[in-house]
Amino acid sequence: MQVITNDKGRVIGTARLVEQEAKAGEPKYGHIVAGDNQSFRELEVPKEIHEIKDTVEMHKALEKHLKLAK
């Protein structure tokens, strides 16, 4: 999972990587880009986090996961 955090460590954006068939010359997947005072991370996260449907709850779970990983 790709994650963007702000300068306070709060998750402000995510993208789930799903590789798919692509036509010749087309990318197989996209990505997100961090802006000023933001950080980009690409993480392996537990299945439980992937299953969270509510964005706010998923961001909270990701912030907890990031703190535990430090």
N, C-alpha and C. Protein backbone atom coordinates (compact mmCIF):
# COMPACT_ATOMS: atom_id res chain seq x y z
N MET A 1 0.85 -1.16 0.00
CA MET A 1 0.00 0.00 0.00
C MET A 1 0.90 1.23 0.00
N GLN A 2 0.52 2.21 -0.78
CA GLN A 2 1.25 3.48 -0.79
C GLN A 2 0.54 4.45 0.16
N VAL A 3 1.34 5.16 0.95
CA VAL A 3 0.79 6.06 1.97
C VAL A 3 1.49 7.41 1.91
N ILE A 4 0.72 8.47 2.00
CA ILE A 4 1.25 9.83 2.12
C ILE A 4 0.93 10.33 3.52
N THR A 5 1.96 10.84 4.22
CA THR A 5 1.75 11.43 5.54
C THR A 5 2.16 12.90 5.51
N ASN A 6 1.55 13.68 6.40
CA ASN A 6 1.95 15.09 6.50
C ASN A 6 3.13 15.21 7.45
N ASP A 7 3.56 16.44 7.70
CA ASP A 7 4.75 16.65 8.53
C ASP A 7 4.53 16.29 10.00
N LYS A 8 3.28 16.01 10.39
CA LYS A 8 2.98 15.59 11.76
C LYS A 8 2.79 14.08 11.85
N GLY A 9 2.97 13.37 10.73
CA GLY A 9 2.83 11.93 10.73
C GLY A 9 1.42 11.41 10.51
N ARG A 10 0.49 12.32 10.21
CA ARG A 10 -0.90 11.91 9.97
C ARG A 10 -1.05 11.43 8.53
N VAL A 11 -1.79 10.33 8.36
CA VAL A 11 -2.03 9.79 7.03
C VAL A 11 -3.03 10.71 6.31
N ILE A 12 -2.66 11.18 5.13
CA ILE A 12 -3.54 12.07 4.37
C ILE A 12 -3.93 11.49 3.02
N GLY A 13 -3.33 10.37 2.64
CA GLY A 13 -3.69 9.76 1.36
C GLY A 13 -3.14 8.35 1.25
N THR A 14 -3.87 7.51 0.53
CA THR A 14 -3.42 6.13 0.32
C THR A 14 -3.76 5.67 -1.10
N ALA A 15 -3.06 4.66 -1.53
CA ALA A 15 -3.38 3.99 -2.79
C ALA A 15 -3.05 2.52 -2.61
N ARG A 16 -3.98 1.69 -3.04
CA ARG A 16 -3.75 0.24 -2.98
C ARG A 16 -3.24 -0.19 -4.34
N LEU A 17 -2.15 -0.91 -4.33
CA LEU A 17 -1.55 -1.34 -5.58
C LEU A 17 -2.23 -2.59 -6.11
N VAL A 18 -2.77 -2.47 -7.30
CA VAL A 18 -3.40 -3.60 -7.96
C VAL A 18 -2.85 -3.65 -9.37
N GLU A 19 -2.00 -4.64 -9.61
CA GLU A 19 -1.43 -4.78 -10.95
C GLU A 19 -2.51 -5.34 -11.87
N GLN A 20 -2.62 -4.80 -13.05
CA GLN A 20 -3.63 -5.24 -14.00
C GLN A 20 -3.03 -5.34 -15.39
N GLU A 21 -3.74 -6.03 -16.24
CA GLU A 21 -3.30 -6.15 -17.63
C GLU A 21 -3.27 -4.76 -18.27
N ALA A 22 -2.27 -4.49 -19.05
CA ALA A 22 -2.16 -3.20 -19.72
C ALA A 22 -1.86 -3.42 -21.19
N LYS A 23 -2.35 -2.50 -21.99
CA LYS A 23 -2.03 -2.54 -23.42
C LYS A 23 -0.58 -2.11 -23.61
N ALA A 24 0.00 -2.43 -24.72
CA ALA A 24 1.38 -2.06 -25.01
C ALA A 24 1.59 -0.56 -24.82
N GLY A 25 2.61 -0.20 -24.08
CA GLY A 25 2.94 1.21 -23.85
C GLY A 25 2.18 1.85 -22.70
N GLU A 26 1.24 1.13 -22.07
CA GLU A 26 0.48 1.68 -20.95
C GLU A 26 1.03 1.12 -19.64
N PRO A 27 0.97 1.92 -18.56
CA PRO A 27 1.46 1.41 -17.28
C PRO A 27 0.53 0.34 -16.71
N LYS A 28 1.10 -0.55 -15.90
CA LYS A 28 0.28 -1.58 -15.27
C LYS A 28 -0.40 -1.05 -14.00
N TYR A 29 0.15 -0.01 -13.40
CA TYR A 29 -0.46 0.59 -12.22
C TYR A 29 0.04 2.02 -12.07
N GLY A 30 -0.66 2.80 -11.25
CA GLY A 30 -0.28 4.19 -11.00
C GLY A 30 0.30 4.33 -9.61
N HIS A 31 0.57 5.55 -9.20
CA HIS A 31 1.07 5.81 -7.86
C HIS A 31 0.68 7.20 -7.42
N ILE A 32 0.85 7.46 -6.14
CA ILE A 32 0.56 8.79 -5.60
C ILE A 32 1.88 9.51 -5.36
N VAL A 33 1.81 10.83 -5.28
CA VAL A 33 3.02 11.64 -5.15
C VAL A 33 2.87 12.57 -3.95
N ALA A 34 3.90 12.61 -3.10
CA ALA A 34 3.90 13.50 -1.94
C ALA A 34 4.22 14.93 -2.37
N GLY A 35 3.59 15.87 -1.71
CA GLY A 35 3.85 17.28 -1.96
C GLY A 35 4.82 17.84 -0.92
N ASP A 36 4.92 19.15 -0.86
CA ASP A 36 5.78 19.81 0.12
C ASP A 36 5.36 19.42 1.53
N ASN A 37 6.33 19.19 2.40
CA ASN A 37 6.10 18.82 3.80
C ASN A 37 5.30 17.53 3.96
N GLN A 38 5.36 16.65 2.98
CA GLN A 38 4.69 15.36 3.03
C GLN A 38 5.72 14.26 2.77
N SER A 39 5.40 13.06 3.22
CA SER A 39 6.29 11.91 3.00
C SER A 39 5.54 10.80 2.30
N PHE A 40 6.24 10.11 1.42
CA PHE A 40 5.69 8.96 0.70
C PHE A 40 6.30 7.69 1.28
N ARG A 41 5.46 6.68 1.49
CA ARG A 41 5.94 5.37 1.95
C ARG A 41 5.19 4.29 1.20
N GLU A 42 5.87 3.22 0.90
CA GLU A 42 5.24 2.05 0.32
C GLU A 42 5.38 0.94 1.36
N LEU A 43 4.24 0.42 1.83
CA LEU A 43 4.23 -0.48 2.97
C LEU A 43 3.58 -1.82 2.66
N GLU A 44 4.06 -2.83 3.37
CA GLU A 44 3.34 -4.11 3.46
C GLU A 44 2.51 -3.97 4.73
N VAL A 45 1.20 -4.07 4.62
CA VAL A 45 0.35 -3.92 5.80
C VAL A 45 -0.45 -5.20 6.02
N PRO A 46 -0.88 -5.43 7.27
CA PRO A 46 -1.67 -6.61 7.56
C PRO A 46 -2.98 -6.64 6.76
N LYS A 47 -3.44 -7.84 6.50
CA LYS A 47 -4.69 -8.05 5.76
C LYS A 47 -5.84 -7.27 6.39
N GLU A 48 -5.84 -7.19 7.72
CA GLU A 48 -6.93 -6.51 8.43
C GLU A 48 -7.05 -5.04 8.01
N ILE A 49 -5.92 -4.40 7.77
CA ILE A 49 -5.97 -3.00 7.33
C ILE A 49 -6.53 -2.90 5.92
N HIS A 50 -6.15 -3.81 5.05
CA HIS A 50 -6.69 -3.80 3.68
C HIS A 50 -8.20 -3.99 3.68
N GLU A 51 -8.73 -4.68 4.66
CA GLU A 51 -10.16 -4.98 4.70
C GLU A 51 -11.01 -3.85 5.25
N ILE A 52 -10.40 -2.82 5.85
CA ILE A 52 -11.15 -1.69 6.40
C ILE A 52 -11.73 -0.87 5.25
N LYS A 53 -13.03 -0.69 5.26
CA LYS A 53 -13.71 0.04 4.18
C LYS A 53 -13.81 1.55 4.45
N ASP A 54 -13.92 1.93 5.73
CA ASP A 54 -14.06 3.34 6.10
C ASP A 54 -12.69 4.03 6.04
N THR A 55 -12.60 5.09 5.26
CA THR A 55 -11.31 5.78 5.06
C THR A 55 -10.72 6.31 6.35
N VAL A 56 -11.54 6.94 7.19
CA VAL A 56 -11.04 7.51 8.45
C VAL A 56 -10.48 6.40 9.33
N GLU A 57 -11.21 5.30 9.44
CA GLU A 57 -10.75 4.18 10.26
C GLU A 57 -9.47 3.55 9.69
N MET A 58 -9.39 3.46 8.36
CA MET A 58 -8.19 2.91 7.74
C MET A 58 -6.99 3.82 8.01
N HIS A 59 -7.17 5.13 7.92
CA HIS A 59 -6.07 6.06 8.19
C HIS A 59 -5.61 5.93 9.64
N LYS A 60 -6.55 5.78 10.58
CA LYS A 60 -6.18 5.60 11.99
C LYS A 60 -5.36 4.32 12.18
N ALA A 61 -5.82 3.24 11.55
CA ALA A 61 -5.11 1.96 11.65
C ALA A 61 -3.71 2.06 11.04
N LEU A 62 -3.59 2.77 9.93
CA LEU A 62 -2.27 2.94 9.29
C LEU A 62 -1.34 3.78 10.17
N GLU A 63 -1.87 4.82 10.80
CA GLU A 63 -1.04 5.64 11.69
C GLU A 63 -0.53 4.80 12.86
N LYS A 64 -1.38 3.94 13.42
CA LYS A 64 -0.95 3.05 14.50
C LYS A 64 0.12 2.08 13.98
N HIS A 65 -0.11 1.53 12.79
CA HIS A 65 0.87 0.60 12.19
C HIS A 65 2.22 1.29 11.97
N LEU A 66 2.20 2.53 11.49
CA LEU A 66 3.44 3.26 11.27
C LEU A 66 4.18 3.52 12.59
N LYS A 67 3.46 3.85 13.65
CA LYS A 67 4.09 4.09 14.95
C LYS A 67 4.73 2.81 15.49
N LEU A 68 4.06 1.68 15.29
CA LEU A 68 4.61 0.41 15.77
C LEU A 68 5.84 0.00 14.98
N ALA A 69 5.93 0.44 13.73
CA ALA A 69 7.04 0.05 12.87
C ALA A 69 8.33 0.83 13.18
N LYS A 70 8.22 1.90 13.93
CA LYS A 70 9.40 2.73 14.22
C LYS A 70 10.35 2.05 15.18
